[in-house]
Amino acid sequence: MRLSIFVWMFVIVVASFMLYKVKYQVQALKDEVAATGRELEHEREALHVVNAEWAYLNRPERLQKLASKYLATTELTVSQIAEVEEIPFPHQNVAAMDKDDGIKTAALYVGKDGR
């Protein structure tokens, strides 16, 4: 009878200790989740600030002023517009595999006819 009381007391003490340990682990996790939530909210606010700054810096009138100040551009005319086929592409060296000799270099020119 005394042995069973001692065993039950030991079980109750161990269970109490484990409950105490789990309670503080849960509190630590709650604190970590709260800290992560605060950090996430701070990052969201920082992202809103960055988006507002980006919108402010990309105003069309500001960009137009900067472009006219730093870029030497002229108005686009109709004669400057061309078809892609009219653009002369440079020669390109292409390596090709040959069954007998190995790798050979061949010159390739892309023209209007696609060759």
Protein backbone atom coordinates (compact mmCIF):
# COMPACT_ATOMS: atom_id res chain seq x y z
CA MET A 1 0.00 0.00 0.00
CA ARG A 2 2.79 2.44 0.88
CA LEU A 3 4.65 1.54 -2.33
CA SER A 4 1.63 2.41 -4.50
CA ILE A 5 1.23 5.75 -2.71
CA PHE A 6 4.92 6.48 -3.29
CA VAL A 7 4.61 5.51 -6.99
CA TRP A 8 1.53 7.72 -7.43
CA MET A 9 3.26 10.63 -5.69
CA PHE A 10 6.26 10.17 -7.99
CA VAL A 11 3.98 10.11 -11.06
CA ILE A 12 2.21 13.27 -9.88
CA VAL A 13 5.54 15.07 -9.30
CA VAL A 14 6.88 14.02 -12.72
CA ALA A 15 3.60 15.02 -14.42
CA SER A 16 3.65 18.39 -12.62
CA PHE A 17 7.21 19.01 -13.71
CA MET A 18 6.43 18.07 -17.30
CA LEU A 19 3.33 20.31 -17.26
CA TYR A 20 5.42 23.17 -15.89
CA LYS A 21 8.04 22.61 -18.61
CA VAL A 22 5.43 22.46 -21.39
CA LYS A 23 3.75 25.62 -20.05
CA TYR A 24 6.96 27.63 -20.37
CA GLN A 25 7.73 26.16 -23.79
CA VAL A 26 4.28 27.27 -24.97
CA GLN A 27 4.83 30.74 -23.51
CA ALA A 28 8.19 30.97 -25.29
CA LEU A 29 6.55 29.95 -28.57
CA LYS A 30 3.77 32.51 -28.07
CA ASP A 31 6.39 35.22 -27.49
CA GLU A 32 8.24 34.12 -30.61
CA VAL A 33 5.05 34.19 -32.69
CA ALA A 34 4.20 37.66 -31.34
CA ALA A 35 7.71 38.92 -32.12
CA THR A 36 7.50 37.48 -35.64
CA GLY A 37 4.11 39.15 -36.10
CA ARG A 38 5.51 42.51 -34.99
CA GLU A 39 8.48 42.07 -37.33
CA LEU A 40 6.15 41.17 -40.19
CA GLU A 41 4.03 44.26 -39.55
CA HIS A 42 7.17 46.40 -39.45
CA GLU A 43 8.30 44.94 -42.79
CA ARG A 44 4.86 45.60 -44.30
CA GLU A 45 5.06 49.23 -43.22
CA ALA A 46 8.57 49.50 -44.66
CA LEU A 47 7.30 47.99 -47.92
CA HIS A 48 4.51 50.58 -48.06
CA VAL A 49 7.09 53.33 -47.56
CA VAL A 50 9.28 51.92 -50.34
CA ASN A 51 6.27 51.69 -52.67
CA ALA A 52 5.33 55.29 -51.89
CA GLU A 53 8.90 56.46 -52.52
CA TRP A 54 9.00 54.50 -55.78
CA ALA A 55 5.74 56.07 -56.93
CA TYR A 56 7.03 59.53 -55.98
CA LEU A 57 10.31 59.05 -57.86
CA ASN A 58 8.60 57.64 -60.96
CA ARG A 59 6.23 60.53 -61.55
CA PRO A 60 6.06 61.19 -65.31
CA GLU A 61 6.80 64.92 -65.03
CA ARG A 62 9.90 64.20 -62.90
CA LEU A 63 11.12 61.52 -65.31
CA GLN A 64 10.53 63.82 -68.26
CA LYS A 65 12.55 66.56 -66.56
CA LEU A 66 15.42 64.16 -65.80
CA ALA A 67 15.33 62.73 -69.32
CA SER A 68 15.55 66.15 -70.90
CA LYS A 69 18.37 67.11 -68.54
CA TYR A 70 20.55 63.99 -68.80
CA LEU A 71 19.61 62.28 -72.08
CA ALA A 72 20.39 63.75 -75.46
CA THR A 73 17.25 62.53 -77.19
CA THR A 74 15.19 63.92 -80.01
CA GLU A 75 11.62 63.39 -81.01
CA LEU A 76 10.87 60.11 -82.80
CA THR A 77 10.05 60.51 -86.49
CA VAL A 78 8.30 58.17 -88.87
CA SER A 79 11.50 57.64 -90.86
CA GLN A 80 13.15 56.11 -87.78
CA ILE A 81 10.65 53.24 -87.60
CA ALA A 82 11.66 50.12 -89.52
CA GLU A 83 10.67 46.47 -89.91
CA VAL A 84 12.72 43.80 -88.15
CA GLU A 85 13.63 42.22 -91.49
CA GLU A 86 15.40 45.43 -92.54
CA ILE A 87 17.86 45.30 -89.63
CA PRO A 88 21.24 43.93 -90.79
CA PHE A 89 22.29 41.26 -88.30
CA PRO A 90 26.05 40.60 -87.97
CA HIS A 91 27.72 37.33 -88.86
CA GLN A 92 27.82 34.77 -86.06
CA ASN A 93 30.20 31.87 -85.67
CA VAL A 94 28.43 28.64 -84.86
CA ALA A 95 30.09 25.39 -83.86
CA ALA A 96 28.78 22.24 -85.51
CA MET A 97 29.50 18.60 -84.71
CA ASP A 98 30.84 16.42 -87.50
CA LYS A 99 30.76 12.65 -87.07
CA ASP A 100 34.21 12.13 -88.57
CA ASP A 101 36.33 15.15 -87.63
CA GLY A 102 34.71 16.39 -84.41
CA ILE A 103 33.81 20.06 -84.01
CA LYS A 104 33.86 22.40 -87.01
CA THR A 105 33.20 26.13 -87.04
CA ALA A 106 30.75 27.43 -89.58
CA ALA A 107 29.83 31.06 -90.32
CA LEU A 108 26.14 31.85 -90.23
CA TYR A 109 24.47 34.98 -91.54
CA VAL A 110 20.82 35.69 -90.83
CA GLY A 111 19.38 37.59 -93.76
CA LYS A 112 15.97 38.37 -95.18
CA ASP A 113 15.57 34.89 -96.61
CA GLY A 114 16.35 33.22 -93.23
CA ARG A 115 19.67 31.63 -94.34
